[in-house]
N, C-alpha and C. Protein backbone atom coordinates (compact mmCIF):
# COMPACT_ATOMS: atom_id res chain seq x y z
N MET A 1 99.39 -27.33 116.49
CA MET A 1 99.30 -26.43 115.75
C MET A 1 98.16 -25.96 115.15
N GLY A 2 98.20 -24.98 114.32
CA GLY A 2 96.78 -24.48 113.57
C GLY A 2 96.77 -25.46 112.26
N ARG A 3 95.58 -25.68 111.86
CA ARG A 3 95.19 -26.28 110.76
C ARG A 3 95.36 -25.54 109.49
N GLN A 4 95.51 -26.13 108.54
CA GLN A 4 95.76 -25.50 106.84
C GLN A 4 94.50 -25.81 106.36
N TRP A 5 93.81 -24.99 105.82
CA TRP A 5 92.52 -25.21 105.02
C TRP A 5 92.66 -25.04 103.41
N LYS A 6 91.92 -25.85 102.80
CA LYS A 6 92.04 -25.62 101.21
C LYS A 6 90.87 -25.36 100.86
N GLN A 7 91.20 -24.16 99.84
CA GLN A 7 89.81 -23.55 99.13
C GLN A 7 89.29 -24.80 98.30
N CYS A 8 88.18 -24.93 98.26
CA CYS A 8 87.50 -26.02 97.28
C CYS A 8 86.90 -24.90 96.15
N GLN A 9 86.63 -25.88 95.26
CA GLN A 9 86.00 -25.09 93.94
C GLN A 9 84.60 -25.26 94.26
N THR A 10 83.69 -26.64 94.37
CA THR A 10 82.28 -26.55 94.64
C THR A 10 82.10 -27.16 95.97
N SER A 11 80.94 -26.68 96.63
CA SER A 11 80.71 -27.41 98.04
C SER A 11 78.87 -27.48 97.85
N PHE A 12 78.66 -28.41 98.48
CA PHE A 12 76.87 -28.43 98.57
C PHE A 12 76.55 -27.99 99.90
N PHE A 13 75.84 -27.17 99.63
CA PHE A 13 74.88 -26.51 100.89
C PHE A 13 73.51 -26.77 100.66
N LEU A 14 72.77 -27.60 101.74
CA LEU A 14 71.39 -27.63 101.74
C LEU A 14 70.93 -28.32 100.44
N GLY A 15 71.66 -28.95 99.74
CA GLY A 15 71.19 -29.71 98.43
C GLY A 15 71.54 -28.88 97.14
N SER A 16 72.14 -27.74 97.52
CA SER A 16 72.64 -26.87 96.48
C SER A 16 73.98 -26.71 96.23
N LYS A 17 74.26 -26.79 94.90
CA LYS A 17 75.75 -26.63 94.35
C LYS A 17 76.17 -25.25 94.58
N ILE A 18 77.49 -25.10 95.26
CA ILE A 18 78.01 -23.69 95.40
C ILE A 18 79.23 -23.84 95.05
N THR A 19 79.72 -22.95 94.08
CA THR A 19 81.02 -22.65 93.44
C THR A 19 81.75 -21.67 94.18
N ALA A 20 83.16 -21.74 93.95
CA ALA A 20 83.79 -20.76 94.52
C ALA A 20 83.88 -19.09 94.12
N ASP A 21 83.47 -19.06 92.79
CA ASP A 21 83.31 -17.88 92.27
C ASP A 21 81.61 -17.29 92.50
N GLY A 22 80.99 -18.21 93.09
CA GLY A 22 79.62 -17.73 93.61
C GLY A 22 78.34 -17.83 92.47
N ASP A 23 78.98 -18.45 91.13
CA ASP A 23 77.82 -18.51 90.34
C ASP A 23 76.84 -19.58 90.67
N CYS A 24 75.32 -19.27 90.25
CA CYS A 24 74.40 -20.28 90.64
C CYS A 24 73.86 -20.45 89.35
N CYS A 25 74.40 -20.27 88.39
CA CYS A 25 73.33 -20.44 86.81
C CYS A 25 72.99 -22.24 86.89
N HIS A 26 74.04 -22.81 86.90
CA HIS A 26 74.08 -24.28 86.92
C HIS A 26 72.87 -24.86 87.68
N GLU A 27 72.79 -24.35 89.31
CA GLU A 27 72.11 -24.85 90.17
C GLU A 27 70.45 -24.22 89.78
N ILE A 28 70.25 -23.10 89.35
CA ILE A 28 69.18 -22.37 89.09
C ILE A 28 68.36 -23.47 87.80
N LYS A 29 69.20 -23.82 86.82
CA LYS A 29 68.91 -24.70 85.58
C LYS A 29 68.48 -25.63 86.29
N ARG A 30 69.42 -26.72 87.23
CA ARG A 30 68.91 -27.81 87.49
C ARG A 30 67.66 -27.78 88.23
N ARG A 31 67.38 -26.78 89.11
CA ARG A 31 66.22 -26.73 89.85
C ARG A 31 64.74 -26.70 88.99
N LEU A 32 65.09 -25.57 87.64
CA LEU A 32 64.19 -25.54 86.67
C LEU A 32 63.57 -26.77 86.26
N LEU A 33 64.57 -27.65 85.76
CA LEU A 33 64.37 -28.86 85.12
C LEU A 33 63.69 -29.92 86.38
N LEU A 34 64.17 -29.94 87.74
CA LEU A 34 63.06 -30.66 88.35
C LEU A 34 62.04 -30.40 88.37
N GLY A 35 61.80 -28.83 88.50
CA GLY A 35 60.29 -28.36 88.63
C GLY A 35 59.56 -28.71 87.25
N ARG A 36 60.47 -28.87 86.26
CA ARG A 36 59.77 -29.28 84.87
C ARG A 36 59.56 -30.70 85.01
N LYS A 37 59.90 -31.55 85.70
CA LYS A 37 59.92 -32.88 85.95
C LYS A 37 58.76 -33.00 86.76
N VAL A 38 58.54 -32.38 87.66
CA VAL A 38 57.32 -32.49 88.46
C VAL A 38 56.19 -32.40 87.55
N MET A 39 56.07 -31.25 87.08
CA MET A 39 55.12 -30.83 86.06
C MET A 39 54.67 -31.88 85.54
N THR A 40 55.86 -32.41 84.33
CA THR A 40 55.37 -33.55 83.87
C THR A 40 54.88 -34.79 84.51
N ASN A 41 55.25 -35.34 85.62
CA ASN A 41 54.80 -36.46 86.53
C ASN A 41 53.26 -36.07 86.64
N LEU A 42 52.90 -34.53 86.84
CA LEU A 42 51.54 -33.99 87.10
C LEU A 42 50.86 -33.99 85.70
N ASP A 43 51.12 -34.28 84.64
CA ASP A 43 50.56 -33.95 83.29
C ASP A 43 49.11 -34.71 83.09
N SER A 44 48.93 -35.90 83.89
CA SER A 44 47.64 -36.79 83.53
C SER A 44 46.76 -36.12 84.54
N ILE A 45 47.01 -35.45 85.70
CA ILE A 45 46.39 -34.61 86.47
C ILE A 45 45.71 -33.39 85.92
N LEU A 46 46.89 -32.68 85.19
CA LEU A 46 46.34 -31.50 84.84
C LEU A 46 45.61 -31.55 83.73
N LYS A 47 45.56 -32.75 82.90
CA LYS A 47 44.71 -32.89 81.68
C LYS A 47 43.40 -33.43 81.96
N CYS A 48 43.16 -33.94 83.18
CA CYS A 48 41.91 -34.74 83.45
C CYS A 48 40.62 -33.26 83.70
N ARG A 49 39.76 -33.64 83.10
CA ARG A 49 38.69 -32.93 83.12
C ARG A 49 37.69 -32.60 84.42
N ASP A 50 37.81 -33.59 85.01
CA ASP A 50 37.23 -33.77 86.49
C ASP A 50 37.56 -32.80 87.49
N ILE A 51 38.84 -32.48 87.25
CA ILE A 51 39.53 -31.68 88.05
C ILE A 51 39.42 -30.15 88.21
N THR A 52 38.73 -29.34 88.82
CA THR A 52 38.83 -28.11 88.53
C THR A 52 40.36 -27.08 88.47
N LEU A 53 40.14 -26.27 87.91
CA LEU A 53 41.10 -25.31 87.86
C LEU A 53 42.05 -24.91 88.68
N PRO A 54 41.23 -24.31 89.84
CA PRO A 54 41.50 -24.10 90.93
C PRO A 54 42.31 -25.00 91.69
N THR A 55 41.88 -26.46 91.78
CA THR A 55 42.44 -27.30 92.32
C THR A 55 43.73 -27.72 91.77
N LYS A 56 44.04 -27.60 90.53
CA LYS A 56 44.81 -27.87 89.74
C LYS A 56 46.34 -26.67 89.73
N VAL A 57 45.74 -25.55 90.14
CA VAL A 57 46.72 -24.41 90.50
C VAL A 57 47.20 -24.73 91.77
N ARG A 58 46.37 -25.08 92.81
CA ARG A 58 46.66 -25.44 94.11
C ARG A 58 47.95 -26.65 94.10
N LEU A 59 47.75 -27.67 93.21
CA LEU A 59 48.64 -28.92 92.75
C LEU A 59 50.10 -28.47 92.60
N ALA A 60 49.91 -27.44 91.14
CA ALA A 60 51.33 -26.96 90.89
C ALA A 60 51.91 -26.22 92.06
N LYS A 61 51.32 -25.36 92.79
CA LYS A 61 51.70 -24.52 93.84
C LYS A 61 52.58 -25.34 95.40
N ALA A 62 51.85 -26.48 95.34
CA ALA A 62 52.09 -27.37 96.41
C ALA A 62 53.17 -28.31 96.03
N MET A 63 53.13 -28.86 94.92
CA MET A 63 54.21 -29.79 94.36
C MET A 63 55.43 -29.14 93.56
N ALA A 64 55.09 -28.50 92.50
CA ALA A 64 56.23 -28.06 91.97
C ALA A 64 57.07 -26.99 92.30
N PHE A 65 56.32 -25.83 92.87
CA PHE A 65 57.17 -24.35 93.43
C PHE A 65 58.09 -24.78 94.36
N PRO A 66 57.79 -25.51 95.35
CA PRO A 66 59.06 -25.93 96.69
C PRO A 66 60.24 -26.43 95.61
N VAL A 67 59.93 -27.42 94.97
CA VAL A 67 60.95 -27.92 94.15
C VAL A 67 62.13 -27.18 93.42
N VAL A 68 61.46 -26.13 92.76
CA VAL A 68 62.07 -24.96 92.42
C VAL A 68 62.66 -24.20 93.08
N MET A 69 62.14 -23.68 94.15
CA MET A 69 62.45 -22.80 94.77
C MET A 69 63.40 -23.10 96.01
N HIS A 70 63.63 -24.47 96.31
CA HIS A 70 64.36 -24.59 97.42
C HIS A 70 65.95 -24.54 97.35
N GLY A 71 66.64 -23.81 98.63
CA GLY A 71 67.91 -23.73 98.29
C GLY A 71 68.14 -22.35 97.82
N CYS A 72 66.70 -21.55 97.49
CA CYS A 72 66.97 -20.26 96.73
C CYS A 72 67.40 -19.06 97.61
N GLU A 73 67.87 -19.42 98.75
CA GLU A 73 68.21 -18.20 99.69
C GLU A 73 69.90 -18.54 99.44
N SER A 74 70.26 -19.48 99.11
CA SER A 74 71.84 -19.18 98.46
C SER A 74 72.14 -18.81 97.12
N TRP A 75 71.15 -18.42 96.42
CA TRP A 75 71.58 -18.18 94.93
C TRP A 75 72.14 -16.87 95.27
N THR A 76 72.72 -16.78 94.15
CA THR A 76 73.77 -14.91 93.84
C THR A 76 73.10 -14.88 92.41
N VAL A 77 72.56 -14.20 92.03
CA VAL A 77 72.38 -13.89 90.54
C VAL A 77 73.33 -12.50 90.38
N LYS A 78 73.84 -12.56 89.15
CA LYS A 78 74.77 -11.36 88.60
C LYS A 78 73.94 -10.54 87.92
N LYS A 79 74.50 -9.35 87.53
CA LYS A 79 73.73 -8.32 87.00
C LYS A 79 73.57 -8.71 85.20
N ALA A 80 75.02 -9.24 85.28
CA ALA A 80 74.83 -9.82 83.52
C ALA A 80 73.91 -10.82 83.19
N LYS A 81 73.80 -11.91 84.32
CA LYS A 81 72.72 -12.93 83.96
C LYS A 81 71.32 -12.34 84.06
N CYS A 82 70.68 -10.91 84.71
CA CYS A 82 69.64 -10.60 84.89
C CYS A 82 68.81 -10.42 83.60
């Protein structure tokens, strides 16, 4: 016969937590914290005077931005949160 499916409250898709109501605020905050952690780990490199500013910018773009933006395709931002 047919299978009965249960509706779950949360699920994970591509490493992102998706809730039944479509609220992604917790996921966005988690990604921002992970990006902040990456930037903290790069702190010694970013404070080094021997490395040029363009190189530091490229490092941030290559290492921090992908961490923050991973899974953003599945985020839904409501008007009230904007």
